[in-house]
Amino acid sequence: MEINSIGAMHVNDYRMGSMPGKADASDFAAILKKASVKESNPHSPASSNVDKTDELYQLCVELETFLVKNLLSSMRNTVQKSGFIDEGFAGKMYEDMLYDEYAKDFTKNAGFGLAEQAYLQLKRLHV
């Protein structure tokens, strides 16, 4: 018997649920469906508890903006400079301010959800 056919035989046994102590495919499908229903419902009770006027939420939005700006800055450092923007102090300051505004815009419009998740987590700890 060839080594490849032995591996394929064990994979097929696993897929068919004949491995001892393993759950069958219908159990996995039920778990996956249950998880996808929880994740895909944007009007779940967890997302409706966010008070966007709360000071804690505003701080969470600032945290999300800070993290997005760090991500953008790290990405910016991997790009070769073209010389279009001056590399002096003023040019670096301008570029940094530009990326601050990019981060604010991305946070406001992209809907990452990090601020909401942080707010809910901190609110739960505070109560």
N, C-alpha and C. Protein backbone atom coordinates (compact mmCIF):
# COMPACT_ATOMS: atom_id res chain seq x y z
N MET A 1 0.85 -1.17 0.00
CA MET A 1 0.00 0.00 0.00
C MET A 1 0.90 1.23 0.00
N GLU A 2 0.53 2.20 -0.78
CA GLU A 2 1.30 3.43 -0.93
C GLU A 2 1.05 4.36 0.26
N ILE A 3 2.06 5.16 0.61
CA ILE A 3 1.94 6.06 1.76
C ILE A 3 0.85 7.11 1.54
N ASN A 4 0.68 7.60 0.32
CA ASN A 4 -0.35 8.61 0.04
C ASN A 4 -1.75 8.04 0.25
N SER A 5 -1.94 6.79 -0.12
CA SER A 5 -3.27 6.21 0.05
C SER A 5 -3.59 5.98 1.52
N ILE A 6 -2.57 5.73 2.35
CA ILE A 6 -2.81 5.57 3.79
C ILE A 6 -3.29 6.89 4.38
N GLY A 7 -2.63 8.00 4.00
CA GLY A 7 -3.04 9.31 4.50
C GLY A 7 -4.44 9.65 4.05
N ALA A 8 -4.77 9.36 2.81
CA ALA A 8 -6.10 9.66 2.29
C ALA A 8 -7.15 8.82 2.99
N MET A 9 -6.80 7.58 3.33
CA MET A 9 -7.75 6.72 4.01
C MET A 9 -8.09 7.29 5.39
N HIS A 10 -7.10 7.79 6.13
CA HIS A 10 -7.36 8.35 7.45
C HIS A 10 -8.14 9.66 7.37
N VAL A 11 -7.86 10.46 6.38
CA VAL A 11 -8.62 11.70 6.19
C VAL A 11 -10.07 11.37 5.89
N ASN A 12 -10.31 10.40 5.02
CA ASN A 12 -11.68 10.02 4.69
C ASN A 12 -12.40 9.44 5.90
N ASP A 13 -11.70 8.67 6.74
CA ASP A 13 -12.31 8.14 7.96
C ASP A 13 -12.73 9.29 8.87
N TYR A 14 -11.88 10.29 8.98
CA TYR A 14 -12.19 11.43 9.84
C TYR A 14 -13.40 12.20 9.31
N ARG A 15 -13.44 12.40 7.99
CA ARG A 15 -14.56 13.13 7.39
C ARG A 15 -15.87 12.39 7.56
N MET A 16 -15.83 11.09 7.50
CA MET A 16 -17.05 10.30 7.59
C MET A 16 -17.49 10.08 9.02
N GLY A 17 -16.71 10.52 9.99
CA GLY A 17 -17.12 10.42 11.38
C GLY A 17 -16.85 9.07 12.00
N SER A 18 -16.02 8.24 11.36
CA SER A 18 -15.79 6.91 11.91
C SER A 18 -14.62 6.87 12.89
N MET A 19 -14.01 8.02 13.15
CA MET A 19 -12.92 8.04 14.12
C MET A 19 -13.53 7.94 15.52
N PRO A 20 -12.96 7.14 16.38
CA PRO A 20 -13.54 7.00 17.72
C PRO A 20 -13.38 8.29 18.53
N GLY A 21 -14.45 8.65 19.24
CA GLY A 21 -14.41 9.82 20.10
C GLY A 21 -14.56 11.14 19.38
N LYS A 22 -14.84 11.13 18.10
CA LYS A 22 -14.98 12.36 17.31
C LYS A 22 -16.46 12.63 17.06
N ALA A 23 -16.80 13.93 17.00
CA ALA A 23 -18.17 14.32 16.67
C ALA A 23 -18.39 14.16 15.17
N ASP A 24 -19.62 13.88 14.79
CA ASP A 24 -19.88 13.73 13.37
C ASP A 24 -20.13 15.09 12.72
N ALA A 25 -20.27 15.09 11.40
CA ALA A 25 -20.38 16.33 10.62
C ALA A 25 -21.65 17.09 10.93
N SER A 26 -22.73 16.40 11.29
CA SER A 26 -23.98 17.11 11.57
C SER A 26 -23.86 17.94 12.84
N ASP A 27 -23.12 17.45 13.84
CA ASP A 27 -22.88 18.24 15.05
C ASP A 27 -22.10 19.50 14.72
N PHE A 28 -21.08 19.36 13.90
CA PHE A 28 -20.27 20.51 13.51
C PHE A 28 -21.10 21.53 12.74
N ALA A 29 -21.94 21.05 11.83
CA ALA A 29 -22.79 21.95 11.04
C ALA A 29 -23.76 22.71 11.94
N ALA A 30 -24.30 22.04 12.95
CA ALA A 30 -25.22 22.70 13.87
C ALA A 30 -24.50 23.77 14.69
N ILE A 31 -23.30 23.47 15.15
CA ILE A 31 -22.51 24.44 15.91
C ILE A 31 -22.15 25.63 15.04
N LEU A 32 -21.75 25.37 13.81
CA LEU A 32 -21.37 26.44 12.88
C LEU A 32 -22.57 27.34 12.57
N LYS A 33 -23.74 26.75 12.36
CA LYS A 33 -24.93 27.54 12.07
C LYS A 33 -25.31 28.40 13.26
N LYS A 34 -25.23 27.83 14.45
CA LYS A 34 -25.55 28.58 15.66
C LYS A 34 -24.60 29.76 15.86
N ALA A 35 -23.32 29.56 15.59
CA ALA A 35 -22.34 30.64 15.73
C ALA A 35 -22.54 31.71 14.68
N SER A 36 -22.87 31.33 13.46
CA SER A 36 -23.05 32.32 12.40
C SER A 36 -24.29 33.17 12.62
N VAL A 37 -25.31 32.62 13.23
CA VAL A 37 -26.51 33.40 13.53
C VAL A 37 -26.20 34.45 14.58
N LYS A 38 -25.40 34.12 15.57
CA LYS A 38 -25.02 35.09 16.60
C LYS A 38 -24.17 36.20 16.02
N GLU A 39 -23.23 35.85 15.14
CA GLU A 39 -22.31 36.83 14.58
C GLU A 39 -22.98 37.73 13.55
N SER A 40 -23.93 37.22 12.78
CA SER A 40 -24.48 37.98 11.67
C SER A 40 -25.64 38.88 12.08
N ASN A 41 -26.10 38.82 13.30
CA ASN A 41 -27.22 39.64 13.73
C ASN A 41 -26.72 40.97 14.26
N PRO A 42 -26.79 42.05 13.45
CA PRO A 42 -26.28 43.33 13.92
C PRO A 42 -27.17 43.98 14.97
N HIS A 43 -28.40 43.50 15.11
CA HIS A 43 -29.33 44.09 16.08
C HIS A 43 -29.44 43.23 17.33
N SER A 44 -28.37 42.53 17.64
CA SER A 44 -28.37 41.71 18.83
C SER A 44 -28.37 42.60 20.06
N PRO A 45 -28.78 42.10 21.22
CA PRO A 45 -28.83 42.92 22.42
C PRO A 45 -27.49 43.52 22.80
N ALA A 46 -26.40 42.87 22.48
CA ALA A 46 -25.08 43.39 22.84
C ALA A 46 -24.76 44.67 22.11
N SER A 47 -25.13 44.77 20.82
CA SER A 47 -24.81 45.97 20.06
C SER A 47 -25.77 47.11 20.34
N SER A 48 -26.96 46.82 20.88
CA SER A 48 -27.92 47.88 21.15
C SER A 48 -27.65 48.57 22.48
N ASN A 49 -26.74 48.05 23.30
CA ASN A 49 -26.45 48.64 24.60
C ASN A 49 -25.38 49.71 24.54
N VAL A 50 -24.92 50.10 23.38
CA VAL A 50 -23.86 51.09 23.25
C VAL A 50 -24.48 52.48 23.29
N ASP A 51 -24.08 53.26 24.29
CA ASP A 51 -24.53 54.65 24.43
C ASP A 51 -23.44 55.54 23.83
N LYS A 52 -23.69 56.03 22.62
CA LYS A 52 -22.66 56.78 21.90
C LYS A 52 -22.45 58.17 22.46
N THR A 53 -23.26 58.60 23.41
CA THR A 53 -23.06 59.90 24.05
C THR A 53 -22.24 59.79 25.33
N ASP A 54 -22.00 58.57 25.79
CA ASP A 54 -21.25 58.34 27.02
C ASP A 54 -19.78 58.72 26.83
N GLU A 55 -19.19 59.29 27.88
CA GLU A 55 -17.78 59.69 27.82
C GLU A 55 -16.87 58.48 27.64
N LEU A 56 -17.25 57.36 28.24
CA LEU A 56 -16.47 56.13 28.09
C LEU A 56 -16.44 55.69 26.63
N TYR A 57 -17.56 55.81 25.94
CA TYR A 57 -17.60 55.44 24.52
C TYR A 57 -16.69 56.35 23.70
N GLN A 58 -16.70 57.64 24.00
CA GLN A 58 -15.83 58.58 23.28
C GLN A 58 -14.36 58.22 23.48
N LEU A 59 -14.02 57.80 24.69
CA LEU A 59 -12.64 57.37 24.95
C LEU A 59 -12.31 56.09 24.19
N CYS A 60 -13.29 55.21 24.06
CA CYS A 60 -13.08 53.98 23.30
C CYS A 60 -12.89 54.29 21.82
N VAL A 61 -13.59 55.29 21.30
CA VAL A 61 -13.40 55.71 19.91
C VAL A 61 -11.99 56.27 19.74
N GLU A 62 -11.52 57.05 20.72
CA GLU A 62 -10.15 57.56 20.65
C GLU A 62 -9.13 56.43 20.68
N LEU A 63 -9.39 55.40 21.48
CA LEU A 63 -8.51 54.23 21.51
C LEU A 63 -8.47 53.55 20.15
N GLU A 64 -9.64 53.38 19.54
CA GLU A 64 -9.69 52.76 18.21
C GLU A 64 -8.93 53.61 17.20
N THR A 65 -9.09 54.93 17.26
CA THR A 65 -8.38 55.83 16.36
C THR A 65 -6.87 55.71 16.55
N PHE A 66 -6.45 55.64 17.80
CA PHE A 66 -5.02 55.49 18.11
C PHE A 66 -4.47 54.19 17.52
N LEU A 67 -5.20 53.11 17.68
CA LEU A 67 -4.73 51.82 17.15
C LEU A 67 -4.69 51.81 15.63
N VAL A 68 -5.69 52.43 15.00
CA VAL A 68 -5.70 52.51 13.53
C VAL A 68 -4.54 53.37 13.05
N LYS A 69 -4.26 54.47 13.77
CA LYS A 69 -3.14 55.33 13.39
C LYS A 69 -1.81 54.57 13.50
N ASN A 70 -1.65 53.79 14.56
CA ASN A 70 -0.43 52.98 14.69
C ASN A 70 -0.31 51.97 13.56
N LEU A 71 -1.42 51.39 13.15
CA LEU A 71 -1.42 50.45 12.03
C LEU A 71 -1.01 51.16 10.75
N LEU A 72 -1.59 52.34 10.51
CA LEU A 72 -1.25 53.10 9.32
C LEU A 72 0.21 53.56 9.33
N SER A 73 0.69 53.97 10.49
CA SER A 73 2.09 54.40 10.59
C SER A 73 3.05 53.25 10.32
N SER A 74 2.71 52.08 10.83
CA SER A 74 3.55 50.91 10.56
C SER A 74 3.55 50.57 9.08
N MET A 75 2.40 50.70 8.46
CA MET A 75 2.33 50.43 7.02
C MET A 75 3.09 51.50 6.24
N ARG A 76 3.01 52.74 6.69
CA ARG A 76 3.70 53.84 6.01
C ARG A 76 5.22 53.64 6.05
N ASN A 77 5.72 53.09 7.14
CA ASN A 77 7.17 52.88 7.27
C ASN A 77 7.70 51.82 6.31
N THR A 78 6.83 51.02 5.73
CA THR A 78 7.29 49.99 4.79
C THR A 78 7.35 50.50 3.36
N VAL A 79 6.85 51.71 3.10
CA VAL A 79 6.79 52.25 1.75
C VAL A 79 8.02 53.11 1.49
N GLN A 80 8.59 52.96 0.30
CA GLN A 80 9.74 53.79 -0.07
C GLN A 80 9.31 55.22 -0.30
N LYS A 81 10.14 56.16 0.11
CA LYS A 81 9.83 57.58 -0.05
C LYS A 81 10.10 58.01 -1.48
N SER A 82 9.21 58.85 -2.01
CA SER A 82 9.34 59.30 -3.39
C SER A 82 9.98 60.67 -3.51
N GLY A 83 10.06 61.40 -2.40
CA GLY A 83 10.59 62.75 -2.45
C GLY A 83 9.52 63.79 -2.73
N PHE A 84 8.28 63.38 -2.89
CA PHE A 84 7.18 64.30 -3.15
C PHE A 84 6.93 65.21 -1.96
N ILE A 85 7.00 64.63 -0.75
CA ILE A 85 6.83 65.40 0.48
C ILE A 85 8.21 65.62 1.08
N ASP A 86 8.46 66.86 1.50
CA ASP A 86 9.74 67.21 2.10
C ASP A 86 10.04 66.32 3.30
N GLU A 87 11.27 65.87 3.42
CA GLU A 87 11.67 64.98 4.51
C GLU A 87 12.15 65.74 5.74
N GLY A 88 12.02 67.04 5.76
CA GLY A 88 12.42 67.83 6.91
C GLY A 88 11.40 67.72 8.04
N PHE A 89 11.60 68.55 9.06
CA PHE A 89 10.71 68.52 10.22
C PHE A 89 9.27 68.84 9.82
N ALA A 90 9.09 69.87 9.01
CA ALA A 90 7.74 70.28 8.61
C ALA A 90 7.06 69.20 7.76
N GLY A 91 7.81 68.57 6.89
CA GLY A 91 7.25 67.51 6.05
C GLY A 91 6.82 66.31 6.88
N LYS A 92 7.63 65.94 7.85
CA LYS A 92 7.27 64.82 8.72
C LYS A 92 6.05 65.16 9.57
N MET A 93 5.98 66.41 10.04
CA MET A 93 4.83 66.83 10.84
C MET A 93 3.56 66.81 9.98
N TYR A 94 3.66 67.31 8.76
CA TYR A 94 2.51 67.31 7.85
C TYR A 94 2.04 65.88 7.59
N GLU A 95 2.98 65.00 7.32
CA GLU A 95 2.63 63.61 7.02
C GLU A 95 1.98 62.94 8.24
N ASP A 96 2.48 63.23 9.42
CA ASP A 96 1.91 62.67 10.64
C ASP A 96 0.49 63.18 10.87
N MET A 97 0.29 64.49 10.64
CA MET A 97 -1.05 65.05 10.79
C MET A 97 -2.01 64.49 9.74
N LEU A 98 -1.51 64.25 8.54
CA LEU A 98 -2.31 63.66 7.48
C LEU A 98 -2.78 62.26 7.89
N TYR A 99 -1.87 61.48 8.46
CA TYR A 99 -2.23 60.13 8.88
C TYR A 99 -3.13 60.14 10.10
N ASP A 100 -3.05 61.18 10.94
CA ASP A 100 -4.02 61.34 12.03
C ASP A 100 -5.42 61.49 11.46
N GLU A 101 -5.55 62.31 10.44
CA GLU A 101 -6.86 62.53 9.83
C GLU A 101 -7.35 61.28 9.10
N TYR A 102 -6.45 60.56 8.45
CA TYR A 102 -6.83 59.29 7.83
C TYR A 102 -7.40 58.34 8.89
N ALA A 103 -6.72 58.24 10.03
CA ALA A 103 -7.16 57.33 11.09
C ALA A 103 -8.54 57.74 11.61
N LYS A 104 -8.75 59.05 11.82
CA LYS A 104 -10.08 59.51 12.28
C LYS A 104 -11.15 59.17 11.26
N ASP A 105 -10.85 59.40 10.01
CA ASP A 105 -11.81 59.12 8.95
C ASP A 105 -12.11 57.63 8.84
N PHE A 106 -11.08 56.80 8.90
CA PHE A 106 -11.27 55.35 8.85
C PHE A 106 -12.10 54.87 10.02
N THR A 107 -11.80 55.38 11.21
CA THR A 107 -12.52 54.95 12.40
C THR A 107 -13.99 55.33 12.31
N LYS A 108 -14.26 56.52 11.81
CA LYS A 108 -15.64 56.99 11.73
C LYS A 108 -16.43 56.25 10.67
N ASN A 109 -15.83 55.95 9.53
CA ASN A 109 -16.58 55.42 8.39
C ASN A 109 -16.45 53.92 8.16
N ALA A 110 -15.41 53.29 8.65
CA ALA A 110 -15.18 51.89 8.30
C ALA A 110 -16.00 50.92 9.13
N GLY A 111 -16.37 51.29 10.34
CA GLY A 111 -17.16 50.38 11.17
C GLY A 111 -16.38 49.17 11.64
N PHE A 112 -15.15 49.39 12.12
CA PHE A 112 -14.34 48.29 12.62
C PHE A 112 -15.02 47.59 13.80
N GLY A 113 -15.68 48.37 14.66
CA GLY A 113 -16.38 47.78 15.80
C GLY A 113 -15.53 47.62 17.04
N LEU A 114 -14.28 48.02 16.98
CA LEU A 114 -13.41 47.86 18.14
C LEU A 114 -13.86 48.77 19.29
N ALA A 115 -14.30 50.00 18.98
CA ALA A 115 -14.76 50.91 20.02
C ALA A 115 -15.99 50.35 20.73
N GLU A 116 -16.92 49.78 19.97
CA GLU A 116 -18.12 49.21 20.57
C GLU A 116 -17.78 48.04 21.47
N GLN A 117 -16.89 47.17 20.99
CA GLN A 117 -16.50 46.01 21.79
C GLN A 117 -15.77 46.43 23.07
N ALA A 118 -14.89 47.40 22.95
CA ALA A 118 -14.16 47.88 24.14
C ALA A 118 -15.14 48.53 25.11
N TYR A 119 -16.09 49.29 24.59
CA TYR A 119 -17.08 49.94 25.45
C TYR A 119 -17.90 48.90 26.21
N LEU A 120 -18.39 47.91 25.49
CA LEU A 120 -19.20 46.88 26.15
C LEU A 120 -18.40 46.11 27.20
N GLN A 121 -17.15 45.82 26.88
CA GLN A 121 -16.31 45.09 27.83
C GLN A 121 -16.04 45.93 29.07
N LEU A 122 -15.69 47.20 28.88
CA LEU A 122 -15.40 48.07 30.02
C LEU A 122 -16.66 48.38 30.82
N LYS A 123 -17.78 48.52 30.16
CA LYS A 123 -19.04 48.77 30.85
C LYS A 123 -19.42 47.58 31.71
N ARG A 124 -19.19 46.38 31.19
CA ARG A 124 -19.49 45.17 31.94
C ARG A 124 -18.59 45.06 33.18
N LEU A 125 -17.33 45.46 33.06
CA LEU A 125 -16.41 45.42 34.19
C LEU A 125 -16.74 46.48 35.21
N HIS A 126 -17.27 47.60 34.75
CA HIS A 126 -17.54 48.73 35.64
C HIS A 126 -18.79 48.49 36.48
N VAL A 127 -19.74 47.75 35.94
CA VAL A 127 -21.02 47.53 36.64
C VAL A 127 -20.90 46.54 37.74
